[in-house]
């Protein structure tokens, strides 16, 4: 199970149908929204589309067949050192771990903005689900978000987010 702490994951996206990546049958791992004024169903919606994009890199997979290939672009250098972009047709695309389960933790609002409190609350939620490392249910966490802070406030690696991420890593979470 990989948790995606982001803008949500669109439960309707075709990439997650093949392996039912969002179907966490075990009631111990509910998708949750940590954004004030939202409910947990909002964790499986993603108007900003960023969380869905990130989830696709982790676990998306789509097979289309020859009659409707996926059109992609490839960038390359040839043996003369010239670079170019070329269109290619693919019968399928896949994320890094297409059969993994995904846990959506919504920490960003629909406009893509967020606050530190929601992010820290979601990291604590993962710790609680895993019982501090004694019962790993969530094996990895993806955090493709950032936040501004005054670097004079903290030494390197000692921001609140850095501390919580380090605590998760020490508990066995990737």
N, C-alpha and C. Protein backbone atom coordinates (compact mmCIF):
# COMPACT_ATOMS: atom_id res chain seq x y z
N UNK A 1 0.84 -1.18 0.00
CA UNK A 1 0.00 0.00 0.00
C UNK A 1 0.88 1.24 0.00
N UNK A 2 0.60 2.15 -0.91
CA UNK A 2 1.27 3.44 -0.97
C UNK A 2 0.25 4.53 -0.69
N UNK A 3 0.57 5.41 0.24
CA UNK A 3 -0.27 6.58 0.52
C UNK A 3 0.20 7.73 -0.35
N UNK A 4 -0.76 8.43 -0.94
CA UNK A 4 -0.48 9.61 -1.74
C UNK A 4 -1.04 10.81 -0.97
N UNK A 5 -0.16 11.65 -0.45
CA UNK A 5 -0.56 12.85 0.28
C UNK A 5 -0.52 14.00 -0.71
N UNK A 6 -1.69 14.38 -1.20
CA UNK A 6 -1.73 15.33 -2.32
C UNK A 6 -3.13 15.93 -2.41
N UNK A 7 -3.58 16.18 -3.64
CA UNK A 7 -4.86 16.84 -3.89
C UNK A 7 -6.02 15.86 -4.02
N UNK A 8 -5.81 14.60 -3.68
CA UNK A 8 -6.81 13.56 -3.84
C UNK A 8 -6.45 12.67 -5.01
N UNK A 9 -7.22 11.62 -5.23
CA UNK A 9 -7.06 10.73 -6.37
C UNK A 9 -8.45 10.53 -6.97
N UNK A 10 -8.57 10.74 -8.26
CA UNK A 10 -9.85 10.59 -8.95
C UNK A 10 -10.21 9.11 -9.07
N UNK A 11 -11.20 8.71 -8.31
CA UNK A 11 -11.61 7.29 -8.31
C UNK A 11 -12.14 6.84 -9.66
N UNK A 12 -12.56 7.76 -10.52
CA UNK A 12 -13.11 7.43 -11.83
C UNK A 12 -12.04 7.26 -12.91
N UNK A 13 -10.79 7.56 -12.61
CA UNK A 13 -9.75 7.51 -13.63
C UNK A 13 -9.51 6.08 -14.09
N UNK A 14 -9.47 5.89 -15.39
CA UNK A 14 -9.36 4.54 -15.98
C UNK A 14 -8.09 3.80 -15.57
N UNK A 15 -7.03 4.51 -15.24
CA UNK A 15 -5.77 3.84 -14.90
C UNK A 15 -5.87 2.96 -13.67
N UNK A 16 -6.83 3.22 -12.81
CA UNK A 16 -6.91 2.48 -11.55
C UNK A 16 -7.98 1.39 -11.56
N UNK A 17 -8.63 1.18 -12.71
CA UNK A 17 -9.68 0.17 -12.80
C UNK A 17 -9.13 -1.25 -12.94
N UNK A 18 -8.08 -1.42 -13.74
CA UNK A 18 -7.57 -2.75 -14.07
C UNK A 18 -7.22 -3.56 -12.82
N UNK A 19 -6.56 -2.94 -11.85
CA UNK A 19 -6.14 -3.66 -10.65
C UNK A 19 -6.87 -3.18 -9.40
N UNK A 20 -7.92 -2.39 -9.57
CA UNK A 20 -8.69 -1.87 -8.44
C UNK A 20 -7.76 -1.29 -7.37
N UNK A 21 -6.85 -0.43 -7.81
CA UNK A 21 -5.83 0.13 -6.92
C UNK A 21 -6.41 0.90 -5.74
N UNK A 22 -7.56 1.50 -5.91
CA UNK A 22 -8.15 2.31 -4.84
C UNK A 22 -9.09 1.51 -3.95
N UNK A 23 -9.31 0.25 -4.29
CA UNK A 23 -10.22 -0.60 -3.53
C UNK A 23 -9.52 -1.26 -2.36
N UNK A 24 -9.42 -0.54 -1.27
CA UNK A 24 -8.82 -1.10 -0.06
C UNK A 24 -9.92 -1.82 0.71
N UNK A 25 -10.02 -3.11 0.48
CA UNK A 25 -11.11 -3.90 1.04
C UNK A 25 -11.06 -3.93 2.57
N UNK A 26 -9.87 -3.86 3.10
CA UNK A 26 -9.70 -3.87 4.54
C UNK A 26 -10.14 -2.52 5.09
N UNK A 27 -11.15 -2.50 5.94
CA UNK A 27 -11.67 -1.26 6.51
C UNK A 27 -10.69 -0.52 7.39
N UNK A 28 -9.50 -1.10 7.61
CA UNK A 28 -8.49 -0.45 8.45
C UNK A 28 -7.81 0.71 7.76
N UNK A 29 -8.00 0.88 6.45
CA UNK A 29 -7.28 1.90 5.69
C UNK A 29 -8.24 2.81 4.93
N UNK A 30 -8.99 3.62 5.63
CA UNK A 30 -9.91 4.51 4.90
C UNK A 30 -9.19 5.69 4.27
N UNK A 31 -9.58 6.02 3.03
CA UNK A 31 -9.12 7.23 2.38
C UNK A 31 -9.62 8.40 3.22
N UNK A 32 -8.79 9.43 3.38
CA UNK A 32 -9.20 10.55 4.23
C UNK A 32 -8.80 11.88 3.67
N UNK A 33 -9.63 12.88 3.97
CA UNK A 33 -9.30 14.26 3.64
C UNK A 33 -8.94 14.99 4.92
N UNK A 34 -7.83 15.72 4.88
CA UNK A 34 -7.37 16.49 6.02
C UNK A 34 -7.54 17.99 5.77
N UNK A 35 -8.27 18.32 4.72
CA UNK A 35 -8.52 19.72 4.37
C UNK A 35 -9.77 20.17 5.12
N UNK A 36 -9.65 21.24 5.90
CA UNK A 36 -10.84 21.73 6.63
C UNK A 36 -11.99 22.05 5.67
N UNK A 37 -13.20 21.70 6.10
CA UNK A 37 -14.39 21.98 5.29
C UNK A 37 -14.68 20.93 4.24
N UNK A 38 -13.94 19.82 4.23
CA UNK A 38 -14.19 18.74 3.29
C UNK A 38 -14.56 17.49 4.06
N UNK A 39 -15.01 16.47 3.34
CA UNK A 39 -15.26 15.18 3.99
C UNK A 39 -14.39 14.12 3.34
N UNK A 40 -14.39 12.93 3.90
CA UNK A 40 -13.47 11.89 3.43
C UNK A 40 -13.76 11.43 2.00
N UNK A 41 -15.00 11.59 1.51
CA UNK A 41 -15.29 11.26 0.11
C UNK A 41 -14.49 12.15 -0.84
N UNK A 42 -14.13 13.36 -0.39
CA UNK A 42 -13.34 14.27 -1.23
C UNK A 42 -11.94 13.74 -1.50
N UNK A 43 -11.46 12.78 -0.71
CA UNK A 43 -10.13 12.21 -0.94
C UNK A 43 -10.09 11.41 -2.24
N UNK A 44 -11.27 10.99 -2.74
CA UNK A 44 -11.33 10.23 -3.99
C UNK A 44 -11.90 11.07 -5.13
N UNK A 45 -11.69 12.37 -5.03
CA UNK A 45 -11.96 13.32 -6.10
C UNK A 45 -10.72 14.17 -6.23
N UNK A 46 -10.49 14.71 -7.41
CA UNK A 46 -9.26 15.47 -7.61
C UNK A 46 -9.41 16.54 -8.68
N UNK A 47 -10.12 17.63 -8.39
CA UNK A 47 -10.24 18.70 -9.38
C UNK A 47 -8.89 19.29 -9.80
N UNK A 48 -7.91 19.29 -8.92
CA UNK A 48 -6.59 19.82 -9.27
C UNK A 48 -5.81 18.87 -10.17
N UNK A 49 -6.11 17.58 -10.13
CA UNK A 49 -5.52 16.52 -10.96
C UNK A 49 -4.08 16.16 -10.60
N UNK A 50 -3.46 16.87 -9.68
CA UNK A 50 -2.05 16.57 -9.36
C UNK A 50 -1.91 15.24 -8.62
N UNK A 51 -2.76 14.98 -7.64
CA UNK A 51 -2.68 13.72 -6.90
C UNK A 51 -2.94 12.52 -7.79
N UNK A 52 -3.85 12.66 -8.74
CA UNK A 52 -4.14 11.58 -9.68
C UNK A 52 -2.94 11.33 -10.57
N UNK A 53 -2.29 12.39 -11.01
CA UNK A 53 -1.07 12.26 -11.83
C UNK A 53 0.01 11.51 -11.05
N UNK A 54 0.23 11.90 -9.81
CA UNK A 54 1.24 11.24 -8.97
C UNK A 54 0.87 9.77 -8.75
N UNK A 55 -0.40 9.51 -8.47
CA UNK A 55 -0.86 8.13 -8.26
C UNK A 55 -0.66 7.29 -9.52
N UNK A 56 -0.82 7.91 -10.69
CA UNK A 56 -0.59 7.20 -11.95
C UNK A 56 0.86 6.82 -12.14
N UNK A 57 1.77 7.67 -11.70
CA UNK A 57 3.20 7.34 -11.76
C UNK A 57 3.49 6.13 -10.87
N UNK A 58 2.83 6.06 -9.74
CA UNK A 58 3.02 4.93 -8.83
C UNK A 58 2.32 3.67 -9.34
N UNK A 59 1.03 3.77 -9.66
CA UNK A 59 0.26 2.54 -9.85
C UNK A 59 -0.65 2.54 -11.06
N UNK A 60 -0.56 3.52 -11.91
CA UNK A 60 -1.45 3.52 -13.06
C UNK A 60 -1.08 2.42 -14.05
N UNK A 61 -2.07 1.91 -14.73
CA UNK A 61 -1.81 0.98 -15.83
C UNK A 61 -3.01 1.03 -16.75
N UNK A 62 -2.74 1.12 -18.02
CA UNK A 62 -3.81 1.13 -19.00
C UNK A 62 -3.36 0.34 -20.21
N UNK A 63 -4.24 -0.56 -20.65
CA UNK A 63 -3.99 -1.36 -21.84
C UNK A 63 -5.06 -0.95 -22.85
N UNK A 64 -4.64 -0.54 -24.04
CA UNK A 64 -5.61 -0.01 -25.00
C UNK A 64 -5.82 -0.90 -26.22
N UNK A 65 -4.82 -1.64 -26.63
CA UNK A 65 -4.93 -2.43 -27.85
C UNK A 65 -4.47 -1.63 -29.06
N UNK A 66 -4.36 -2.31 -30.18
CA UNK A 66 -3.81 -1.69 -31.38
C UNK A 66 -4.77 -0.70 -32.04
N UNK A 67 -6.07 -0.88 -31.85
CA UNK A 67 -7.02 0.01 -32.52
C UNK A 67 -7.11 1.39 -31.86
N UNK A 68 -6.65 1.53 -30.63
CA UNK A 68 -6.69 2.83 -29.95
C UNK A 68 -5.43 2.99 -29.10
N UNK A 69 -4.27 3.13 -29.75
CA UNK A 69 -3.04 3.21 -28.98
C UNK A 69 -2.94 4.52 -28.18
N UNK A 70 -2.08 4.49 -27.19
CA UNK A 70 -1.78 5.68 -26.41
C UNK A 70 -0.69 6.43 -27.18
N UNK A 71 -0.94 7.69 -27.45
CA UNK A 71 0.04 8.49 -28.19
C UNK A 71 0.91 9.22 -27.17
N UNK A 72 2.20 9.02 -27.27
CA UNK A 72 3.16 9.63 -26.36
C UNK A 72 4.26 10.30 -27.16
N UNK A 73 5.14 10.95 -26.47
CA UNK A 73 6.28 11.58 -27.14
C UNK A 73 7.56 11.08 -26.50
N UNK A 74 8.57 10.88 -27.31
CA UNK A 74 9.87 10.48 -26.81
C UNK A 74 10.90 11.52 -27.23
N UNK A 75 11.79 11.83 -26.35
CA UNK A 75 12.85 12.79 -26.60
C UNK A 75 14.17 12.03 -26.61
N UNK A 76 15.01 12.31 -27.58
CA UNK A 76 16.24 11.53 -27.68
C UNK A 76 17.35 12.34 -28.34
N UNK A 77 18.59 11.84 -28.15
CA UNK A 77 19.78 12.33 -28.86
C UNK A 77 20.17 11.24 -29.85
N UNK A 78 20.44 11.62 -31.08
CA UNK A 78 20.91 10.61 -32.03
C UNK A 78 22.44 10.54 -31.98
N UNK A 79 23.04 9.67 -32.80
CA UNK A 79 24.49 9.46 -32.75
C UNK A 79 25.30 10.68 -33.20
N UNK A 80 24.66 11.65 -33.85
CA UNK A 80 25.35 12.89 -34.23
C UNK A 80 25.25 13.95 -33.13
N UNK A 81 24.50 13.66 -32.09
CA UNK A 81 24.33 14.61 -31.01
C UNK A 81 23.13 15.52 -31.18
N UNK A 82 22.38 15.32 -32.24
CA UNK A 82 21.17 16.11 -32.45
C UNK A 82 20.06 15.57 -31.55
N UNK A 83 19.22 16.45 -31.05
CA UNK A 83 18.10 15.99 -30.25
C UNK A 83 16.80 16.27 -30.99
N UNK A 84 15.82 15.46 -30.68
CA UNK A 84 14.51 15.61 -31.33
C UNK A 84 13.45 14.97 -30.46
N UNK A 85 12.23 15.31 -30.77
CA UNK A 85 11.06 14.70 -30.14
C UNK A 85 10.30 13.97 -31.23
N UNK A 86 9.89 12.76 -30.90
CA UNK A 86 9.17 11.95 -31.89
C UNK A 86 7.92 11.38 -31.23
N UNK A 87 6.83 11.35 -31.97
CA UNK A 87 5.59 10.75 -31.50
C UNK A 87 5.69 9.24 -31.60
N UNK A 88 5.21 8.54 -30.58
CA UNK A 88 5.18 7.08 -30.62
C UNK A 88 3.81 6.59 -30.16
N UNK A 89 3.40 5.43 -30.65
CA UNK A 89 2.14 4.82 -30.25
C UNK A 89 2.45 3.63 -29.35
N UNK A 90 1.81 3.58 -28.20
CA UNK A 90 2.05 2.51 -27.23
C UNK A 90 0.76 1.72 -27.01
N UNK A 91 0.85 0.39 -26.92
CA UNK A 91 -0.34 -0.40 -26.65
C UNK A 91 -0.74 -0.37 -25.16
N UNK A 92 0.21 0.05 -24.29
CA UNK A 92 -0.07 0.08 -22.86
C UNK A 92 0.92 1.01 -22.18
N UNK A 93 0.54 1.52 -21.04
CA UNK A 93 1.45 2.27 -20.19
C UNK A 93 1.27 1.78 -18.76
N UNK A 94 2.30 1.94 -17.97
CA UNK A 94 2.25 1.41 -16.62
C UNK A 94 3.05 2.29 -15.67
N UNK A 95 2.56 2.39 -14.46
CA UNK A 95 3.30 3.06 -13.39
C UNK A 95 4.38 2.13 -12.86
N UNK A 96 5.02 2.55 -11.79
CA UNK A 96 6.14 1.79 -11.21
C UNK A 96 5.68 0.49 -10.55
N UNK A 97 4.53 0.49 -9.92
CA UNK A 97 4.02 -0.70 -9.22
C UNK A 97 2.51 -0.80 -9.50
N UNK A 98 2.15 -1.22 -10.71
CA UNK A 98 0.75 -1.14 -11.13
C UNK A 98 -0.23 -1.97 -10.30
N UNK A 99 0.24 -2.94 -9.55
CA UNK A 99 -0.68 -3.77 -8.77
C UNK A 99 -0.77 -3.34 -7.30
N UNK A 100 -0.05 -2.29 -6.93
CA UNK A 100 -0.11 -1.86 -5.53
C UNK A 100 -1.44 -1.19 -5.24
N UNK A 101 -1.80 -1.15 -3.99
CA UNK A 101 -2.99 -0.44 -3.55
C UNK A 101 -2.60 0.98 -3.19
N UNK A 102 -3.54 1.90 -3.36
CA UNK A 102 -3.30 3.32 -3.10
C UNK A 102 -4.24 3.81 -2.01
N UNK A 103 -3.69 4.56 -1.09
CA UNK A 103 -4.46 5.20 -0.04
C UNK A 103 -4.39 6.71 -0.28
N UNK A 104 -5.53 7.32 -0.54
CA UNK A 104 -5.56 8.76 -0.81
C UNK A 104 -5.72 9.54 0.49
N UNK A 105 -4.77 10.42 0.72
CA UNK A 105 -4.84 11.35 1.85
C UNK A 105 -4.82 12.76 1.26
N UNK A 106 -5.97 13.38 1.23
CA UNK A 106 -6.09 14.71 0.62
C UNK A 106 -5.56 15.75 1.60
N UNK A 107 -4.48 16.45 1.18
CA UNK A 107 -3.89 17.50 2.01
C UNK A 107 -3.90 18.85 1.29
N UNK A 108 -4.30 18.85 0.02
CA UNK A 108 -4.36 20.09 -0.76
C UNK A 108 -5.80 20.41 -1.13
N UNK A 109 -6.13 21.68 -1.13
CA UNK A 109 -7.45 22.12 -1.56
C UNK A 109 -7.59 21.93 -3.07
N UNK A 110 -8.81 22.12 -3.56
CA UNK A 110 -9.10 21.90 -4.97
C UNK A 110 -8.31 22.83 -5.89
N UNK A 111 -7.85 23.97 -5.38
CA UNK A 111 -7.05 24.87 -6.21
C UNK A 111 -5.55 24.56 -6.12
N UNK A 112 -5.19 23.47 -5.42
CA UNK A 112 -3.80 23.04 -5.31
C UNK A 112 -3.05 23.65 -4.15
N UNK A 113 -3.68 24.54 -3.40
CA UNK A 113 -3.02 25.13 -2.24
C UNK A 113 -3.28 24.27 -1.01
N UNK A 114 -2.49 24.48 0.02
CA UNK A 114 -2.67 23.71 1.23
C UNK A 114 -2.02 24.39 2.41
N UNK A 115 -2.07 23.72 3.53
CA UNK A 115 -1.39 24.27 4.69
C UNK A 115 -0.65 23.16 5.43
N UNK A 116 0.29 23.60 6.22
CA UNK A 116 1.17 22.68 6.93
C UNK A 116 0.42 21.77 7.90
N UNK A 117 -0.61 22.29 8.53
CA UNK A 117 -1.36 21.50 9.52
C UNK A 117 -1.96 20.24 8.89
N UNK A 118 -2.54 20.36 7.69
CA UNK A 118 -3.14 19.20 7.03
C UNK A 118 -2.07 18.17 6.68
N UNK A 119 -0.92 18.63 6.22
CA UNK A 119 0.16 17.72 5.86
C UNK A 119 0.67 16.96 7.09
N UNK A 120 0.89 17.67 8.17
CA UNK A 120 1.37 17.02 9.40
C UNK A 120 0.33 16.06 9.96
N UNK A 121 -0.93 16.43 9.87
CA UNK A 121 -2.00 15.55 10.35
C UNK A 121 -2.04 14.25 9.53
N UNK A 122 -1.84 14.35 8.22
CA UNK A 122 -1.85 13.16 7.37
C UNK A 122 -0.65 12.26 7.68
N UNK A 123 0.52 12.84 7.91
CA UNK A 123 1.70 12.04 8.27
C UNK A 123 1.47 11.32 9.60
N UNK A 124 0.83 12.00 10.54
CA UNK A 124 0.49 11.36 11.82
C UNK A 124 -0.52 10.24 11.62
N UNK A 125 -1.46 10.43 10.69
CA UNK A 125 -2.45 9.41 10.37
C UNK A 125 -1.76 8.12 9.90
N UNK A 126 -0.75 8.26 9.05
CA UNK A 126 -0.01 7.08 8.57
C UNK A 126 0.68 6.40 9.75
N UNK A 127 1.29 7.19 10.63
CA UNK A 127 1.92 6.61 11.84
C UNK A 127 0.90 5.82 12.65
N UNK A 128 -0.29 6.40 12.83
CA UNK A 128 -1.33 5.72 13.61
C UNK A 128 -1.80 4.44 12.93
N UNK A 129 -2.00 4.49 11.60
CA UNK A 129 -2.41 3.28 10.88
C UNK A 129 -1.39 2.16 11.05
N UNK A 130 -0.12 2.53 11.06
CA UNK A 130 0.98 1.55 11.17
C UNK A 130 1.36 1.26 12.61
N UNK A 131 0.62 1.84 13.54
CA UNK A 131 0.92 1.66 14.97
C UNK A 131 2.40 1.92 15.25
N UNK A 132 2.89 3.03 14.71
CA UNK A 132 4.26 3.44 14.96
C UNK A 132 5.31 2.48 14.43
N UNK A 133 4.95 1.67 13.44
CA UNK A 133 5.89 0.71 12.86
C UNK A 133 5.69 -0.71 13.38
N UNK A 134 4.79 -0.90 14.33
CA UNK A 134 4.57 -2.24 14.89
C UNK A 134 3.68 -3.10 13.99
N UNK A 135 2.93 -2.46 13.07
CA UNK A 135 2.01 -3.19 12.19
C UNK A 135 1.91 -2.42 10.88
N UNK A 136 2.89 -2.63 9.98
CA UNK A 136 2.92 -1.85 8.75
C UNK A 136 1.76 -2.23 7.83
N UNK A 137 0.86 -1.30 7.65
CA UNK A 137 -0.23 -1.44 6.70
C UNK A 137 0.01 -0.55 5.50
N UNK A 138 0.66 0.58 5.72
CA UNK A 138 1.05 1.50 4.66
C UNK A 138 2.56 1.38 4.53
N UNK A 139 3.01 0.94 3.36
CA UNK A 139 4.43 0.63 3.18
C UNK A 139 5.24 1.77 2.60
N UNK A 140 4.57 2.68 1.88
CA UNK A 140 5.25 3.81 1.28
C UNK A 140 4.36 5.02 1.28
N UNK A 141 4.99 6.18 1.29
CA UNK A 141 4.26 7.46 1.25
C UNK A 141 4.87 8.32 0.15
N UNK A 142 4.02 8.87 -0.69
CA UNK A 142 4.49 9.83 -1.68
C UNK A 142 4.05 11.22 -1.27
N UNK A 143 5.02 12.11 -1.23
CA UNK A 143 4.78 13.51 -0.89
C UNK A 143 5.37 14.36 -2.00
N UNK A 144 4.58 14.73 -2.96
CA UNK A 144 5.06 15.58 -4.05
C UNK A 144 4.54 17.00 -3.87
N UNK A 145 4.64 17.48 -2.67
CA UNK A 145 4.20 18.84 -2.33
C UNK A 145 5.35 19.54 -1.61
N UNK A 146 5.24 20.82 -1.51
CA UNK A 146 6.24 21.60 -0.79
C UNK A 146 5.55 22.72 -0.05
N UNK A 147 6.31 23.45 0.73
CA UNK A 147 5.74 24.59 1.42
C UNK A 147 6.86 25.58 1.71
N UNK A 148 6.52 26.86 1.68
CA UNK A 148 7.55 27.87 1.97
C UNK A 148 7.74 28.02 3.48
N UNK A 149 8.96 28.25 3.88
CA UNK A 149 9.24 28.56 5.28
C UNK A 149 10.52 29.36 5.32
N UNK A 150 10.69 30.07 6.38
CA UNK A 150 11.89 30.89 6.57
C UNK A 150 13.01 29.96 7.04
N UNK A 151 14.08 29.77 6.25
CA UNK A 151 15.14 28.83 6.63
C UNK A 151 15.86 29.22 7.93
N UNK A 152 15.69 30.44 8.38
CA UNK A 152 16.33 30.81 9.64
C UNK A 152 15.59 30.23 10.84
N UNK A 153 14.39 29.70 10.62
CA UNK A 153 13.61 29.12 11.71
C UNK A 153 14.11 27.75 12.14
N UNK A 154 14.66 26.96 11.19
CA UNK A 154 15.02 25.57 11.47
C UNK A 154 16.41 25.27 10.92
N UNK A 155 17.12 24.38 11.58
CA UNK A 155 18.36 23.86 11.01
C UNK A 155 17.99 22.90 9.88
N UNK A 156 18.92 22.62 9.01
CA UNK A 156 18.68 21.73 7.88
C UNK A 156 18.12 20.39 8.35
N UNK A 157 17.01 19.98 7.75
CA UNK A 157 16.40 18.70 8.07
C UNK A 157 15.58 18.69 9.35
N UNK A 158 15.36 19.84 9.96
CA UNK A 158 14.63 19.87 11.22
C UNK A 158 13.31 20.62 11.16
N UNK A 159 12.79 20.82 9.95
CA UNK A 159 11.45 21.41 9.85
C UNK A 159 10.45 20.39 10.41
N UNK A 160 9.25 20.81 10.75
CA UNK A 160 8.26 19.85 11.23
C UNK A 160 8.00 18.71 10.23
N UNK A 161 7.94 19.03 8.93
CA UNK A 161 7.73 17.97 7.93
C UNK A 161 8.92 17.03 7.89
N UNK A 162 10.13 17.56 7.89
CA UNK A 162 11.33 16.70 7.88
C UNK A 162 11.34 15.75 9.07
N UNK A 163 10.99 16.27 10.23
CA UNK A 163 10.98 15.42 11.44
C UNK A 163 9.95 14.30 11.33
N UNK A 164 8.76 14.63 10.84
CA UNK A 164 7.72 13.60 10.70
C UNK A 164 8.08 12.57 9.64
N UNK A 165 8.66 13.01 8.54
CA UNK A 165 9.08 12.07 7.50
C UNK A 165 10.18 11.16 8.05
N UNK A 166 11.15 11.72 8.75
CA UNK A 166 12.21 10.90 9.35
C UNK A 166 11.64 9.88 10.31
N UNK A 167 10.64 10.28 11.07
CA UNK A 167 10.00 9.35 12.03
C UNK A 167 9.32 8.21 11.28
N UNK A 168 8.66 8.52 10.16
CA UNK A 168 8.03 7.47 9.35
C UNK A 168 9.07 6.52 8.78
N UNK A 169 10.16 7.06 8.27
CA UNK A 169 11.23 6.24 7.69
C UNK A 169 11.79 5.30 8.77
N UNK A 170 12.03 5.84 9.95
CA UNK A 170 12.57 5.00 11.04
C UNK A 170 11.60 3.88 11.42
N UNK A 171 10.30 4.10 11.18
CA UNK A 171 9.31 3.07 11.52
C UNK A 171 9.21 1.99 10.43
N UNK A 172 9.90 2.19 9.29
CA UNK A 172 9.91 1.19 8.23
C UNK A 172 9.18 1.58 6.96
N UNK A 173 8.67 2.80 6.90
CA UNK A 173 7.94 3.27 5.73
C UNK A 173 8.91 3.87 4.71
N UNK A 174 8.70 3.54 3.44
CA UNK A 174 9.52 4.11 2.37
C UNK A 174 8.96 5.47 2.03
